[in-house]
Amino acid sequence: MADTPTPQEMLNQVNAAITNVLAGGQSYKIGSRQLNRADLAKLYEMQRDLQAQVASGVPGLLDDCYVAIFEGR
């Protein structure tokens, strides 16, 4: 089983994808083939979320969740 990427690794990938879109455009066509890159707005949204995760030091999406059990009601 492959290791789950850390928020920092995912942020690096998102940053690279943003760079690719900015440098090469959103989509292009060669002959009859067309390539559509990821939506830039969604990449920026992912970037903000991942930057917040990296800044908070929280390693994963739900790693800061807790469960409480209240007994005796």
C-alpha atoms as a PDB file:
ATOM      1  CA  MET A   1       0.000   0.000   0.000  1.00  0.00           C
ATOM      2  CA  ALA A   2       1.356   3.427  -0.941  1.00  0.00           C
ATOM      3  CA  ASP A   3       1.988   6.013   1.748  1.00  0.00           C
ATOM      4  CA  THR A   4      -0.490   8.857   1.979  1.00  0.00           C
ATOM      5  CA  PRO A   5       1.188  12.105   0.917  1.00  0.00           C
ATOM      6  CA  THR A   6       1.651  14.749   3.593  1.00  0.00           C
ATOM      7  CA  PRO A   7      -0.061  18.127   3.263  1.00  0.00           C
ATOM      8  CA  GLN A   8       3.328  19.652   2.369  1.00  0.00           C
ATOM      9  CA  GLU A   9       3.870  17.098  -0.416  1.00  0.00           C
ATOM     10  CA  MET A  10       0.364  17.721  -1.721  1.00  0.00           C
ATOM     11  CA  LEU A  11       0.962  21.489  -1.559  1.00  0.00           C
ATOM     12  CA  ASN A  12       4.133  21.043  -3.625  1.00  0.00           C
ATOM     13  CA  GLN A  13       2.138  19.117  -6.245  1.00  0.00           C
ATOM     14  CA  VAL A  14      -0.617  21.740  -6.329  1.00  0.00           C
ATOM     15  CA  ASN A  15       1.963  24.511  -6.699  1.00  0.00           C
ATOM     16  CA  ALA A  16       3.542  22.629  -9.607  1.00  0.00           C
ATOM     17  CA  ALA A  17       0.117  22.193 -11.231  1.00  0.00           C
ATOM     18  CA  ILE A  18      -0.596  25.917 -10.858  1.00  0.00           C
ATOM     19  CA  THR A  19       2.753  26.708 -12.457  1.00  0.00           C
ATOM     20  CA  ASN A  20       1.967  24.357 -15.355  1.00  0.00           C
ATOM     21  CA  VAL A  21      -1.408  25.984 -15.965  1.00  0.00           C
ATOM     22  CA  LEU A  22       0.045  29.488 -15.793  1.00  0.00           C
ATOM     23  CA  ALA A  23       2.963  28.628 -18.077  1.00  0.00           C
ATOM     24  CA  GLY A  24       1.179  26.387 -20.550  1.00  0.00           C
ATOM     25  CA  GLY A  25      -2.424  27.557 -20.473  1.00  0.00           C
ATOM     26  CA  GLN A  26      -5.614  25.912 -19.302  1.00  0.00           C
ATOM     27  CA  SER A  27      -5.887  23.670 -22.358  1.00  0.00           C
ATOM     28  CA  TYR A  28      -4.298  23.061 -25.717  1.00  0.00           C
ATOM     29  CA  LYS A  29      -4.899  21.020 -28.808  1.00  0.00           C
ATOM     30  CA  ILE A  30      -2.471  19.149 -31.064  1.00  0.00           C
ATOM     31  CA  GLY A  31      -4.124  17.718 -34.135  1.00  0.00           C
ATOM     32  CA  SER A  32      -7.194  15.848 -33.003  1.00  0.00           C
ATOM     33  CA  ARG A  33      -6.001  15.501 -29.387  1.00  0.00           C
ATOM     34  CA  GLN A  34      -6.800  17.973 -26.646  1.00  0.00           C
ATOM     35  CA  LEU A  35      -5.401  18.332 -23.121  1.00  0.00           C
ATOM     36  CA  ASN A  36      -7.368  20.129 -20.414  1.00  0.00           C
ATOM     37  CA  ARG A  37      -5.419  20.952 -17.292  1.00  0.00           C
ATOM     38  CA  ALA A  38      -6.925  21.253 -13.825  1.00  0.00           C
ATOM     39  CA  ASP A  39      -9.203  24.217 -13.124  1.00  0.00           C
ATOM     40  CA  LEU A  40      -7.077  27.092 -11.851  1.00  0.00           C
ATOM     41  CA  ALA A  41      -9.744  28.284  -9.375  1.00  0.00           C
ATOM     42  CA  LYS A  42      -9.928  24.815  -7.803  1.00  0.00           C
ATOM     43  CA  LEU A  43      -6.139  24.631  -7.623  1.00  0.00           C
ATOM     44  CA  TYR A  44      -6.025  27.960  -5.782  1.00  0.00           C
ATOM     45  CA  GLU A  45      -8.718  26.711  -3.380  1.00  0.00           C
ATOM     46  CA  MET A  46      -6.741  23.522  -2.719  1.00  0.00           C
ATOM     47  CA  GLN A  47      -3.589  25.603  -2.265  1.00  0.00           C
ATOM     48  CA  ARG A  48      -5.250  27.765   0.426  1.00  0.00           C
ATOM     49  CA  ASP A  49      -6.560  24.698   2.273  1.00  0.00           C
ATOM     50  CA  LEU A  50      -3.205  22.929   2.164  1.00  0.00           C
ATOM     51  CA  GLN A  51      -1.326  26.058   3.244  1.00  0.00           C
ATOM     52  CA  ALA A  52      -3.625  26.263   6.274  1.00  0.00           C
ATOM     53  CA  GLN A  53      -2.974  22.592   7.093  1.00  0.00           C
ATOM     54  CA  VAL A  54       0.795  23.053   6.787  1.00  0.00           C
ATOM     55  CA  ALA A  55       0.710  26.232   8.905  1.00  0.00           C
ATOM     56  CA  SER A  56      -1.375  24.569  11.630  1.00  0.00           C
ATOM     57  CA  GLY A  57       0.878  21.538  11.779  1.00  0.00           C
ATOM     58  CA  VAL A  58      -2.110  19.198  11.514  1.00  0.00           C
ATOM     59  CA  PRO A  59      -0.905  16.162   9.542  1.00  0.00           C
ATOM     60  CA  GLY A  60      -4.212  15.164   7.972  1.00  0.00           C
ATOM     61  CA  LEU A  61      -7.779  16.110   7.245  1.00  0.00           C
ATOM     62  CA  LEU A  62      -9.479  14.639  10.332  1.00  0.00           C
ATOM     63  CA  ASP A  63      -6.484  14.242  12.618  1.00  0.00           C
ATOM     64  CA  ASP A  64      -7.708  17.054  14.867  1.00  0.00           C
ATOM     65  CA  CYS A  65     -11.100  15.448  15.554  1.00  0.00           C
ATOM     66  CA  TYR A  66     -11.985  13.962  18.902  1.00  0.00           C
ATOM     67  CA  VAL A  67     -14.773  11.722  20.145  1.00  0.00           C
ATOM     68  CA  ALA A  68     -16.432  12.323  23.501  1.00  0.00           C
ATOM     69  CA  ILE A  69     -18.640   9.816  25.313  1.00  0.00           C
ATOM     70  CA  PHE A  70     -21.012  11.260  27.884  1.00  0.00           C
ATOM     71  CA  GLU A  71     -22.391   8.655  30.271  1.00  0.00           C
ATOM     72  CA  GLY A  72     -24.789   8.909  33.183  1.00  0.00           C
ATOM     73  CA  ARG A  73     -27.659  10.807  31.643  1.00  0.00           C
END
